[in-house]
């Protein structure tokens, strides 16, 4: 989830329509300082790192169980060495 999406999730207003919410929060996001935005960026980055770890574990499990068709094709491709 992007840092802005996390910000929207935390600050949405159920009394407003989706369009009103997005417009309001877009403007509010633009007014945040870089320091204030960093909170959301750090959470987003941590979530992405956790996702990658969990996905790698799941894909390894699927391969071990003989279900490579469930794994992303880029995971199945052999990695090229630096000398290639």
Protein backbone atom coordinates (compact mmCIF):
# COMPACT_ATOMS: atom_id res chain seq x y z
CA UNK A 1 0.00 0.00 0.00
CA UNK A 2 1.38 3.40 -0.91
CA UNK A 3 2.12 6.03 1.70
CA UNK A 4 -0.76 8.17 0.40
CA UNK A 5 -3.16 5.21 0.54
CA UNK A 6 -2.18 4.60 4.17
CA UNK A 7 -2.79 8.29 4.90
CA UNK A 8 -6.21 8.09 3.22
CA UNK A 9 -7.13 4.95 5.14
CA UNK A 10 -6.22 6.60 8.44
CA UNK A 11 -7.96 9.90 7.71
CA UNK A 12 -11.05 9.04 5.67
CA UNK A 13 -14.42 10.48 6.62
CA UNK A 14 -17.42 8.17 6.24
CA UNK A 15 -19.74 11.18 6.03
CA UNK A 16 -18.23 12.24 2.71
CA UNK A 17 -18.48 10.64 -0.71
CA UNK A 18 -15.45 8.88 -2.15
CA UNK A 19 -14.74 11.77 -4.50
CA UNK A 20 -15.07 14.34 -1.71
CA UNK A 21 -12.77 12.26 0.50
CA UNK A 22 -10.11 11.89 -2.17
CA UNK A 23 -10.13 15.58 -3.01
CA UNK A 24 -10.01 16.64 0.63
CA UNK A 25 -7.27 14.18 1.53
CA UNK A 26 -5.26 14.99 -1.59
CA UNK A 27 -5.19 18.63 -0.52
CA UNK A 28 -4.43 17.70 3.09
CA UNK A 29 -1.57 15.41 1.94
CA UNK A 30 -0.11 18.22 -0.17
CA UNK A 31 -0.03 20.43 2.94
CA UNK A 32 1.82 17.89 5.08
CA UNK A 33 5.49 18.49 5.68
CA UNK A 34 8.02 15.94 4.45
CA UNK A 35 8.58 14.95 8.09
CA UNK A 36 4.86 14.22 8.53
CA UNK A 37 4.77 12.22 5.27
CA UNK A 38 7.79 10.19 6.34
CA UNK A 39 5.66 8.33 8.91
CA UNK A 40 3.50 6.93 6.12
CA UNK A 41 6.48 6.25 3.85
CA UNK A 42 8.18 4.21 6.56
CA UNK A 43 5.05 2.15 7.23
CA UNK A 44 4.58 1.58 3.50
CA UNK A 45 8.19 0.47 3.09
CA UNK A 46 7.99 -1.85 6.10
CA UNK A 47 4.77 -3.37 4.76
CA UNK A 48 6.37 -3.97 1.35
CA UNK A 49 9.41 -5.64 2.91
CA UNK A 50 7.13 -7.90 4.97
CA UNK A 51 5.09 -8.74 1.87
CA UNK A 52 8.23 -9.73 -0.06
CA UNK A 53 9.40 -12.03 2.76
CA UNK A 54 5.99 -13.66 3.09
CA UNK A 55 5.65 -14.06 -0.69
CA UNK A 56 9.08 -15.69 -0.95
CA UNK A 57 8.16 -18.16 1.80
CA UNK A 58 4.83 -18.96 0.17
CA UNK A 59 6.38 -19.43 -3.26
CA UNK A 60 9.07 -21.73 -1.84
CA UNK A 61 6.34 -23.75 -0.15
CA UNK A 62 4.32 -24.01 -3.37
CA UNK A 63 7.40 -25.21 -5.28
CA UNK A 64 8.21 -27.74 -2.54
CA UNK A 65 4.63 -29.02 -2.73
CA UNK A 66 4.91 -29.49 -6.50
CA UNK A 67 2.68 -26.53 -7.38
CA UNK A 68 5.00 -24.29 -9.42
CA UNK A 69 2.04 -23.17 -11.58
CA UNK A 70 0.94 -21.03 -8.62
CA UNK A 71 4.27 -19.19 -8.46
CA UNK A 72 5.13 -16.01 -10.35
CA UNK A 73 7.14 -16.74 -13.49
CA UNK A 74 9.94 -14.39 -12.45
CA UNK A 75 10.51 -16.54 -9.36
CA UNK A 76 10.96 -19.64 -11.49
CA UNK A 77 13.50 -18.05 -13.86
CA UNK A 78 17.12 -18.85 -13.00
CA UNK A 79 18.97 -15.80 -11.74
CA UNK A 80 21.79 -14.56 -13.95
CA UNK A 81 25.20 -14.14 -12.40
CA UNK A 82 27.14 -10.92 -12.60
CA UNK A 83 29.57 -12.48 -15.07
CA UNK A 84 26.83 -13.05 -17.66
